[in-house]
Amino acid sequence: MQITRTSMISGIERTLEMAVTEEQLHRWQAGELIQKVMPDLDPADREFIMTGIVDSEWNDFADPVEPDFDYDLYDYVEDRPGLFGVYIGC
């Protein structure tokens, strides 16, 4: 069955073909856990049904951003033990 969702991250609308039935969708929408109702779908497909988000968006969204500067917070705090009220160095 074709499932159309709009991504909660990008706002892009996509339609994917998935091995689910109307009954499964209704059971999930009625409150059953999606992993119980659709155990044969992989987690990425279940995520698409719930949020409209696809793997490539998660990868882009969750990709750590490198800072523009060379800064080590641990060293900064270690040199200033009273800064946050607790000394974190050992």
N, C-alpha and C. Protein backbone atom coordinates (compact mmCIF):
# COMPACT_ATOMS: atom_id res chain seq x y z
N MET A 1 0.84 -1.16 0.00
CA MET A 1 0.00 0.00 0.00
C MET A 1 0.89 1.24 0.00
N GLN A 2 0.45 2.28 -0.64
CA GLN A 2 1.20 3.52 -0.68
C GLN A 2 0.88 4.36 0.56
N ILE A 3 1.95 4.83 1.20
CA ILE A 3 1.83 5.66 2.40
C ILE A 3 2.45 7.02 2.07
N THR A 4 1.69 8.07 2.28
CA THR A 4 2.18 9.43 2.05
C THR A 4 2.31 10.15 3.38
N ARG A 5 3.47 10.71 3.60
CA ARG A 5 3.72 11.46 4.82
C ARG A 5 4.54 12.70 4.49
N THR A 6 4.45 13.69 5.37
CA THR A 6 5.26 14.90 5.27
C THR A 6 6.29 14.86 6.38
N SER A 7 7.55 15.01 6.01
CA SER A 7 8.64 14.94 6.98
C SER A 7 8.52 16.04 8.02
N MET A 8 8.67 15.64 9.28
CA MET A 8 8.65 16.60 10.38
C MET A 8 9.93 17.44 10.41
N ILE A 9 10.97 17.00 9.72
CA ILE A 9 12.22 17.75 9.69
C ILE A 9 12.26 18.72 8.52
N SER A 10 12.00 18.21 7.32
CA SER A 10 12.18 19.02 6.11
C SER A 10 10.90 19.60 5.54
N GLY A 11 9.76 19.00 5.90
CA GLY A 11 8.50 19.43 5.31
C GLY A 11 8.25 18.84 3.93
N ILE A 12 9.13 17.97 3.47
CA ILE A 12 8.99 17.34 2.16
C ILE A 12 7.95 16.23 2.25
N GLU A 13 7.03 16.21 1.30
CA GLU A 13 6.02 15.15 1.23
C GLU A 13 6.55 14.03 0.35
N ARG A 14 6.46 12.80 0.86
CA ARG A 14 6.92 11.63 0.12
C ARG A 14 5.86 10.54 0.18
N THR A 15 5.83 9.72 -0.86
CA THR A 15 4.96 8.56 -0.90
C THR A 15 5.83 7.33 -1.11
N LEU A 16 5.71 6.37 -0.21
CA LEU A 16 6.47 5.13 -0.30
C LEU A 16 5.51 3.94 -0.34
N GLU A 17 5.92 2.91 -1.05
CA GLU A 17 5.17 1.66 -1.08
C GLU A 17 5.61 0.82 0.11
N MET A 18 4.66 0.40 0.93
CA MET A 18 4.97 -0.37 2.13
C MET A 18 4.05 -1.57 2.25
N ALA A 19 4.58 -2.61 2.85
CA ALA A 19 3.81 -3.84 3.05
C ALA A 19 3.00 -3.73 4.34
N VAL A 20 1.98 -2.87 4.33
CA VAL A 20 1.07 -2.72 5.46
C VAL A 20 -0.36 -2.75 4.95
N THR A 21 -1.26 -3.05 5.85
CA THR A 21 -2.68 -3.09 5.48
C THR A 21 -3.42 -1.93 6.14
N GLU A 22 -4.61 -1.68 5.65
CA GLU A 22 -5.47 -0.66 6.27
C GLU A 22 -5.73 -1.01 7.74
N GLU A 23 -5.95 -2.30 7.98
CA GLU A 23 -6.21 -2.74 9.36
C GLU A 23 -5.04 -2.41 10.27
N GLN A 24 -3.81 -2.66 9.81
CA GLN A 24 -2.64 -2.34 10.62
C GLN A 24 -2.56 -0.84 10.90
N LEU A 25 -2.80 -0.04 9.89
CA LEU A 25 -2.77 1.41 10.09
C LEU A 25 -3.82 1.85 11.10
N HIS A 26 -5.02 1.29 11.00
CA HIS A 26 -6.09 1.65 11.94
C HIS A 26 -5.75 1.23 13.36
N ARG A 27 -5.16 0.05 13.51
CA ARG A 27 -4.78 -0.41 14.85
C ARG A 27 -3.73 0.51 15.46
N TRP A 28 -2.74 0.92 14.64
CA TRP A 28 -1.71 1.82 15.13
C TRP A 28 -2.32 3.19 15.48
N GLN A 29 -3.17 3.70 14.61
CA GLN A 29 -3.79 5.00 14.87
C GLN A 29 -4.71 4.95 16.09
N ALA A 30 -5.20 3.77 16.42
CA ALA A 30 -6.05 3.60 17.59
C ALA A 30 -5.24 3.49 18.88
N GLY A 31 -3.90 3.43 18.75
CA GLY A 31 -3.08 3.45 19.96
C GLY A 31 -2.17 2.26 20.20
N GLU A 32 -2.26 1.24 19.36
CA GLU A 32 -1.36 0.10 19.55
C GLU A 32 0.05 0.50 19.13
N LEU A 33 1.05 -0.13 19.74
CA LEU A 33 2.43 0.16 19.39
C LEU A 33 2.71 -0.25 17.96
N ILE A 34 3.37 0.62 17.21
CA ILE A 34 3.62 0.35 15.80
C ILE A 34 4.48 -0.90 15.62
N GLN A 35 5.44 -1.14 16.51
CA GLN A 35 6.29 -2.31 16.38
C GLN A 35 5.52 -3.61 16.64
N LYS A 36 4.43 -3.52 17.39
CA LYS A 36 3.59 -4.70 17.62
C LYS A 36 2.66 -4.93 16.43
N VAL A 37 2.11 -3.84 15.89
CA VAL A 37 1.15 -3.94 14.79
C VAL A 37 1.84 -4.25 13.47
N MET A 38 3.06 -3.74 13.27
CA MET A 38 3.78 -3.90 12.00
C MET A 38 5.18 -4.48 12.26
N PRO A 39 5.25 -5.68 12.82
CA PRO A 39 6.56 -6.25 13.19
C PRO A 39 7.45 -6.58 12.00
N ASP A 40 6.87 -6.74 10.83
CA ASP A 40 7.66 -7.11 9.65
C ASP A 40 8.35 -5.91 9.00
N LEU A 41 7.94 -4.70 9.37
CA LEU A 41 8.60 -3.51 8.82
C LEU A 41 9.88 -3.24 9.59
N ASP A 42 10.88 -2.76 8.88
CA ASP A 42 12.10 -2.39 9.60
C ASP A 42 11.89 -1.05 10.30
N PRO A 43 12.72 -0.74 11.27
CA PRO A 43 12.53 0.49 12.04
C PRO A 43 12.46 1.76 11.18
N ALA A 44 13.22 1.82 10.11
CA ALA A 44 13.20 3.01 9.24
C ALA A 44 11.84 3.19 8.59
N ASP A 45 11.21 2.09 8.18
CA ASP A 45 9.88 2.19 7.58
C ASP A 45 8.84 2.60 8.61
N ARG A 46 8.96 2.06 9.82
CA ARG A 46 8.03 2.47 10.88
C ARG A 46 8.21 3.94 11.21
N GLU A 47 9.45 4.42 11.22
CA GLU A 47 9.72 5.82 11.49
C GLU A 47 9.07 6.70 10.41
N PHE A 48 9.15 6.27 9.15
CA PHE A 48 8.53 7.03 8.08
C PHE A 48 7.02 7.14 8.30
N ILE A 49 6.40 6.04 8.70
CA ILE A 49 4.95 6.07 8.92
C ILE A 49 4.61 7.04 10.06
N MET A 50 5.41 7.03 11.12
CA MET A 50 5.11 7.87 12.28
C MET A 50 5.42 9.35 12.05
N THR A 51 6.53 9.64 11.34
CA THR A 51 7.02 11.03 11.28
C THR A 51 7.24 11.58 9.88
N GLY A 52 7.25 10.69 8.88
CA GLY A 52 7.55 11.13 7.52
C GLY A 52 9.03 11.32 7.28
N ILE A 53 9.84 11.00 8.26
CA ILE A 53 11.29 11.19 8.14
C ILE A 53 11.93 9.94 7.55
N VAL A 54 12.81 10.13 6.57
CA VAL A 54 13.54 9.03 5.95
C VAL A 54 14.97 9.01 6.48
N ASP A 55 15.66 7.88 6.27
CA ASP A 55 17.01 7.70 6.81
C ASP A 55 17.97 8.83 6.43
N SER A 56 17.92 9.26 5.17
CA SER A 56 18.86 10.30 4.75
C SER A 56 18.66 11.59 5.54
N GLU A 57 17.42 11.90 5.89
CA GLU A 57 17.17 13.10 6.70
C GLU A 57 17.72 12.92 8.11
N TRP A 58 17.51 11.73 8.70
CA TRP A 58 18.05 11.49 10.04
C TRP A 58 19.56 11.64 10.02
N ASN A 59 20.20 11.07 9.00
CA ASN A 59 21.65 11.14 8.92
C ASN A 59 22.13 12.59 8.82
N ASP A 60 21.46 13.39 8.00
CA ASP A 60 21.83 14.80 7.88
C ASP A 60 21.53 15.57 9.16
N PHE A 61 20.39 15.28 9.77
CA PHE A 61 19.95 15.98 10.97
C PHE A 61 20.84 15.65 12.16
N ALA A 62 21.22 14.39 12.27
CA ALA A 62 21.98 13.93 13.43
C ALA A 62 23.48 14.01 13.22
N ASP A 63 23.93 14.40 12.04
CA ASP A 63 25.35 14.49 11.75
C ASP A 63 25.96 15.57 12.63
N PRO A 64 26.94 15.20 13.43
CA PRO A 64 27.52 16.21 14.32
C PRO A 64 28.21 17.32 13.52
N VAL A 65 28.01 18.52 13.96
CA VAL A 65 28.62 19.68 13.31
C VAL A 65 29.94 19.97 14.00
N GLU A 66 30.98 20.11 13.23
CA GLU A 66 32.28 20.45 13.79
C GLU A 66 32.28 21.94 14.16
N PRO A 67 32.76 22.28 15.34
CA PRO A 67 32.81 23.69 15.72
C PRO A 67 33.81 24.46 14.86
N ASP A 68 33.60 25.76 14.78
CA ASP A 68 34.48 26.63 14.00
C ASP A 68 35.78 26.93 14.74
N PHE A 69 35.89 26.52 15.98
CA PHE A 69 37.03 26.90 16.79
C PHE A 69 37.59 25.67 17.51
N ASP A 70 38.81 25.80 17.96
CA ASP A 70 39.46 24.74 18.71
C ASP A 70 39.26 25.05 20.19
N TYR A 71 38.28 24.42 20.81
CA TYR A 71 37.89 24.78 22.17
C TYR A 71 37.60 23.51 22.94
N ASP A 72 38.21 23.38 24.08
CA ASP A 72 37.99 22.21 24.91
C ASP A 72 37.36 22.67 26.22
N LEU A 73 36.06 22.45 26.37
CA LEU A 73 35.33 22.91 27.55
C LEU A 73 35.91 22.30 28.82
N TYR A 74 36.31 21.04 28.76
CA TYR A 74 36.85 20.40 29.95
C TYR A 74 38.08 21.16 30.45
N ASP A 75 39.00 21.48 29.54
CA ASP A 75 40.19 22.21 29.94
C ASP A 75 39.83 23.59 30.49
N TYR A 76 38.86 24.23 29.89
CA TYR A 76 38.44 25.55 30.32
C TYR A 76 37.91 25.50 31.76
N VAL A 77 37.05 24.54 32.03
CA VAL A 77 36.46 24.41 33.36
C VAL A 77 37.50 23.94 34.37
N GLU A 78 38.39 23.05 33.96
CA GLU A 78 39.40 22.55 34.86
C GLU A 78 40.31 23.67 35.36
N ASP A 79 40.58 24.65 34.50
CA ASP A 79 41.42 25.79 34.87
C ASP A 79 40.68 26.79 35.75
N ARG A 80 39.36 26.69 35.84
CA ARG A 80 38.53 27.61 36.60
C ARG A 80 37.57 26.81 37.48
N PRO A 81 38.06 26.20 38.56
CA PRO A 81 37.25 25.27 39.35
C PRO A 81 35.98 25.85 39.94
N GLY A 82 35.91 27.12 40.20
CA GLY A 82 34.71 27.69 40.79
C GLY A 82 33.69 28.17 39.77
N LEU A 83 34.01 28.04 38.49
CA LEU A 83 33.18 28.60 37.44
C LEU A 83 31.75 28.06 37.49
N PHE A 84 31.59 26.75 37.61
CA PHE A 84 30.24 26.17 37.62
C PHE A 84 29.85 25.68 39.01
N GLY A 85 30.62 26.04 40.00
CA GLY A 85 30.27 25.68 41.37
C GLY A 85 30.77 24.30 41.77
N VAL A 86 31.29 23.55 40.80
CA VAL A 86 31.77 22.20 41.09
C VAL A 86 33.05 21.98 40.27
N TYR A 87 34.02 21.41 40.90
CA TYR A 87 35.24 21.09 40.19
C TYR A 87 35.09 19.71 39.57
N ILE A 88 35.20 19.62 38.25
CA ILE A 88 34.98 18.33 37.60
C ILE A 88 36.27 17.56 37.38
N GLY A 89 37.41 18.14 37.68
CA GLY A 89 38.68 17.45 37.51
C GLY A 89 38.92 16.48 38.64
N CYS A 90 39.73 15.47 38.39
CA CYS A 90 40.02 14.48 39.42
C CYS A 90 41.41 14.68 39.96
